[in-house]
Amino acid sequence: MTTLLLDPTLVLTAGGLFGLALVAAALLRAWHGWLDYKRQELERGHPNAAKDEGSGLGTARIELADLKERIRKLEAIASGVEL
């Protein structure tokens, strides 16, 4: 008669749970490491920050001009003017 502690199902289940906990702990540690890396990257600043600002500023100006054009068209539609 086998004892309850040496039941193959119990051993496999315990091993599976232990393995799952080990993988979850490793993934959690990796996640925290990645977050620390990104936090340091933000504190240091991006190496191409000057180039990014210029392209971001140009993009913002284009988007602003596009929004102004849309508003002008919507106002024309609201007033009944045909474009």
N, C-alpha and C. Protein backbone atom coordinates (compact mmCIF):
# COMPACT_ATOMS: atom_id res chain seq x y z
N MET A 1 0.83 -1.17 0.00
CA MET A 1 0.00 0.00 0.00
C MET A 1 0.89 1.25 0.00
N THR A 2 0.60 2.17 -0.90
CA THR A 2 1.41 3.38 -0.95
C THR A 2 0.87 4.39 0.05
N THR A 3 1.79 5.14 0.59
CA THR A 3 1.36 6.16 1.54
C THR A 3 0.86 7.38 0.78
N LEU A 4 0.16 8.21 1.47
CA LEU A 4 -0.43 9.40 0.86
C LEU A 4 0.65 10.37 0.38
N LEU A 5 1.79 10.44 1.07
CA LEU A 5 2.84 11.38 0.71
C LEU A 5 3.57 10.99 -0.58
N LEU A 6 3.54 9.71 -0.95
CA LEU A 6 4.25 9.26 -2.14
C LEU A 6 3.30 8.99 -3.30
N ASP A 7 2.10 9.48 -3.22
CA ASP A 7 1.12 9.32 -4.29
C ASP A 7 1.63 10.07 -5.52
N PRO A 8 1.73 9.42 -6.67
CA PRO A 8 2.28 10.08 -7.87
C PRO A 8 1.53 11.35 -8.28
N THR A 9 0.23 11.35 -8.11
CA THR A 9 -0.55 12.53 -8.48
C THR A 9 -0.19 13.70 -7.58
N LEU A 10 -0.03 13.42 -6.30
CA LEU A 10 0.32 14.47 -5.35
C LEU A 10 1.72 15.01 -5.62
N VAL A 11 2.64 14.12 -5.96
CA VAL A 11 4.01 14.54 -6.24
C VAL A 11 4.05 15.39 -7.51
N LEU A 12 3.35 14.97 -8.55
CA LEU A 12 3.31 15.75 -9.79
C LEU A 12 2.63 17.11 -9.58
N THR A 13 1.57 17.12 -8.81
CA THR A 13 0.87 18.38 -8.54
C THR A 13 1.76 19.34 -7.76
N ALA A 14 2.42 18.83 -6.73
CA ALA A 14 3.31 19.67 -5.92
C ALA A 14 4.48 20.17 -6.77
N GLY A 15 5.03 19.32 -7.61
CA GLY A 15 6.12 19.73 -8.49
C GLY A 15 5.67 20.78 -9.49
N GLY A 16 4.48 20.61 -10.04
CA GLY A 16 3.94 21.59 -10.98
C GLY A 16 3.70 22.93 -10.32
N LEU A 17 3.15 22.92 -9.12
CA LEU A 17 2.91 24.17 -8.39
C LEU A 17 4.23 24.86 -8.03
N PHE A 18 5.21 24.07 -7.63
CA PHE A 18 6.51 24.64 -7.31
C PHE A 18 7.14 25.26 -8.56
N GLY A 19 7.06 24.55 -9.69
CA GLY A 19 7.61 25.08 -10.94
C GLY A 19 6.90 26.35 -11.38
N LEU A 20 5.57 26.37 -11.24
CA LEU A 20 4.80 27.55 -11.60
C LEU A 20 5.17 28.74 -10.71
N ALA A 21 5.34 28.49 -9.43
CA ALA A 21 5.73 29.56 -8.50
C ALA A 21 7.13 30.07 -8.84
N LEU A 22 8.01 29.18 -9.22
CA LEU A 22 9.37 29.57 -9.59
C LEU A 22 9.38 30.43 -10.85
N VAL A 23 8.61 30.04 -11.86
CA VAL A 23 8.52 30.82 -13.09
C VAL A 23 7.88 32.18 -12.82
N ALA A 24 6.82 32.21 -12.00
CA ALA A 24 6.16 33.47 -11.66
C ALA A 24 7.11 34.41 -10.93
N ALA A 25 7.91 33.88 -10.02
CA ALA A 25 8.87 34.70 -9.29
C ALA A 25 9.94 35.25 -10.23
N ALA A 26 10.39 34.43 -11.17
CA ALA A 26 11.40 34.90 -12.13
C ALA A 26 10.83 35.98 -13.04
N LEU A 27 9.60 35.81 -13.48
CA LEU A 27 8.97 36.82 -14.33
C LEU A 27 8.74 38.12 -13.57
N LEU A 28 8.35 38.01 -12.30
CA LEU A 28 8.14 39.20 -11.49
C LEU A 28 9.45 39.96 -11.29
N ARG A 29 10.53 39.22 -11.06
CA ARG A 29 11.83 39.87 -10.90
C ARG A 29 12.27 40.53 -12.20
N ALA A 30 12.02 39.87 -13.32
CA ALA A 30 12.37 40.46 -14.62
C ALA A 30 11.54 41.72 -14.88
N TRP A 31 10.26 41.69 -14.51
CA TRP A 31 9.39 42.85 -14.69
C TRP A 31 9.91 44.04 -13.87
N HIS A 32 10.29 43.78 -12.62
CA HIS A 32 10.81 44.86 -11.78
C HIS A 32 12.13 45.39 -12.35
N GLY A 33 12.95 44.51 -12.87
CA GLY A 33 14.20 44.94 -13.50
C GLY A 33 13.95 45.81 -14.72
N TRP A 34 12.96 45.43 -15.52
CA TRP A 34 12.62 46.21 -16.70
C TRP A 34 12.09 47.58 -16.30
N LEU A 35 11.25 47.62 -15.26
CA LEU A 35 10.73 48.91 -14.78
C LEU A 35 11.85 49.79 -14.26
N ASP A 36 12.80 49.22 -13.53
CA ASP A 36 13.95 50.00 -13.05
C ASP A 36 14.76 50.54 -14.22
N TYR A 37 14.95 49.71 -15.25
CA TYR A 37 15.70 50.14 -16.43
C TYR A 37 15.00 51.32 -17.11
N LYS A 38 13.69 51.23 -17.27
CA LYS A 38 12.94 52.31 -17.91
C LYS A 38 12.95 53.56 -17.05
N ARG A 39 12.90 53.41 -15.74
CA ARG A 39 12.95 54.55 -14.83
C ARG A 39 14.30 55.26 -14.96
N GLN A 40 15.37 54.49 -15.03
CA GLN A 40 16.71 55.07 -15.20
C GLN A 40 16.83 55.75 -16.56
N GLU A 41 16.24 55.15 -17.57
CA GLU A 41 16.28 55.72 -18.91
C GLU A 41 15.56 57.08 -18.93
N LEU A 42 14.44 57.18 -18.23
CA LEU A 42 13.72 58.44 -18.16
C LEU A 42 14.49 59.49 -17.38
N GLU A 43 15.16 59.07 -16.31
CA GLU A 43 15.93 60.02 -15.51
C GLU A 43 17.13 60.55 -16.28
N ARG A 44 17.80 59.69 -17.05
CA ARG A 44 18.95 60.09 -17.84
C ARG A 44 18.56 60.98 -19.00
N GLY A 45 17.43 60.72 -19.56
CA GLY A 45 17.02 61.42 -20.77
C GLY A 45 17.45 60.63 -21.98
N HIS A 46 16.73 60.80 -23.03
CA HIS A 46 17.03 60.07 -24.26
C HIS A 46 18.23 60.69 -24.96
N PRO A 47 19.17 59.91 -25.50
CA PRO A 47 20.36 60.48 -26.14
C PRO A 47 20.02 61.37 -27.33
N ASN A 48 18.95 61.09 -28.04
CA ASN A 48 18.58 61.88 -29.20
C ASN A 48 17.45 62.85 -28.86
N ALA A 49 17.47 63.41 -27.65
CA ALA A 49 16.38 64.26 -27.18
C ALA A 49 16.24 65.51 -28.04
N ALA A 50 17.35 66.12 -28.45
CA ALA A 50 17.27 67.34 -29.24
C ALA A 50 16.61 67.05 -30.59
N LYS A 51 16.96 65.94 -31.21
CA LYS A 51 16.37 65.58 -32.49
C LYS A 51 14.89 65.26 -32.33
N ASP A 52 14.53 64.58 -31.24
CA ASP A 52 13.15 64.22 -31.00
C ASP A 52 12.28 65.45 -30.76
N GLU A 53 12.82 66.45 -30.06
CA GLU A 53 12.04 67.64 -29.79
C GLU A 53 11.69 68.37 -31.07
N GLY A 54 12.63 68.45 -31.97
CA GLY A 54 12.39 69.14 -33.23
C GLY A 54 11.31 68.45 -34.05
N SER A 55 11.39 67.15 -34.16
CA SER A 55 10.39 66.43 -34.94
C SER A 55 9.04 66.46 -34.23
N GLY A 56 9.04 66.42 -32.91
CA GLY A 56 7.79 66.49 -32.16
C GLY A 56 7.14 67.85 -32.31
N LEU A 57 7.94 68.90 -32.33
CA LEU A 57 7.41 70.24 -32.47
C LEU A 57 6.81 70.43 -33.86
N GLY A 58 7.48 69.92 -34.88
CA GLY A 58 6.94 70.01 -36.23
C GLY A 58 5.65 69.24 -36.39
N THR A 59 5.61 68.06 -35.79
CA THR A 59 4.41 67.24 -35.84
C THR A 59 3.26 67.94 -35.13
N ALA A 60 3.54 68.55 -34.00
CA ALA A 60 2.50 69.26 -33.26
C ALA A 60 1.96 70.42 -34.07
N ARG A 61 2.82 71.13 -34.77
CA ARG A 61 2.38 72.25 -35.61
C ARG A 61 1.49 71.77 -36.74
N ILE A 62 1.86 70.66 -37.35
CA ILE A 62 1.05 70.10 -38.44
C ILE A 62 -0.31 69.68 -37.91
N GLU A 63 -0.33 69.01 -36.76
CA GLU A 63 -1.60 68.59 -36.17
C GLU A 63 -2.47 69.78 -35.80
N LEU A 64 -1.85 70.84 -35.28
CA LEU A 64 -2.60 72.03 -34.92
C LEU A 64 -3.20 72.69 -36.16
N ALA A 65 -2.44 72.76 -37.24
CA ALA A 65 -2.96 73.33 -38.48
C ALA A 65 -4.11 72.48 -39.02
N ASP A 66 -3.98 71.16 -38.91
CA ASP A 66 -5.05 70.26 -39.35
C ASP A 66 -6.31 70.48 -38.53
N LEU A 67 -6.16 70.62 -37.22
CA LEU A 67 -7.32 70.85 -36.37
C LEU A 67 -7.99 72.18 -36.67
N LYS A 68 -7.19 73.22 -36.92
CA LYS A 68 -7.76 74.52 -37.28
C LYS A 68 -8.54 74.43 -38.58
N GLU A 69 -8.03 73.70 -39.55
CA GLU A 69 -8.74 73.52 -40.82
C GLU A 69 -10.05 72.78 -40.61
N ARG A 70 -10.04 71.77 -39.78
CA ARG A 70 -11.28 71.03 -39.49
C ARG A 70 -12.31 71.92 -38.82
N ILE A 71 -11.85 72.73 -37.87
CA ILE A 71 -12.77 73.65 -37.18
C ILE A 71 -13.36 74.64 -38.17
N ARG A 72 -12.53 75.17 -39.07
CA ARG A 72 -13.02 76.11 -40.08
C ARG A 72 -14.09 75.46 -40.95
N LYS A 73 -13.87 74.20 -41.35
CA LYS A 73 -14.85 73.50 -42.18
C LYS A 73 -16.14 73.24 -41.41
N LEU A 74 -16.01 72.84 -40.12
CA LEU A 74 -17.21 72.59 -39.32
C LEU A 74 -18.00 73.87 -39.09
N GLU A 75 -17.33 75.00 -38.89
CA GLU A 75 -18.02 76.27 -38.72
C GLU A 75 -18.73 76.67 -40.00
N ALA A 76 -18.10 76.40 -41.15
CA ALA A 76 -18.73 76.70 -42.43
C ALA A 76 -19.97 75.85 -42.64
N ILE A 77 -19.89 74.59 -42.27
CA ILE A 77 -21.06 73.70 -42.39
C ILE A 77 -22.16 74.18 -41.46
N ALA A 78 -21.81 74.57 -40.24
CA ALA A 78 -22.80 75.02 -39.27
C ALA A 78 -23.51 76.30 -39.73
N SER A 79 -22.77 77.16 -40.42
CA SER A 79 -23.38 78.41 -40.87
C SER A 79 -24.08 78.27 -42.21
N GLY A 80 -23.96 77.11 -42.85
CA GLY A 80 -24.65 76.85 -44.11
C GLY A 80 -23.87 77.28 -45.32
N VAL A 81 -22.60 77.60 -45.18
CA VAL A 81 -21.78 78.01 -46.32
C VAL A 81 -21.25 76.76 -47.02
N GLU A 82 -21.36 76.74 -48.33
CA GLU A 82 -20.85 75.61 -49.11
C GLU A 82 -19.38 75.86 -49.43
N LEU A 83 -18.54 74.86 -49.17
CA LEU A 83 -17.10 75.00 -49.45
C LEU A 83 -16.75 74.53 -50.83
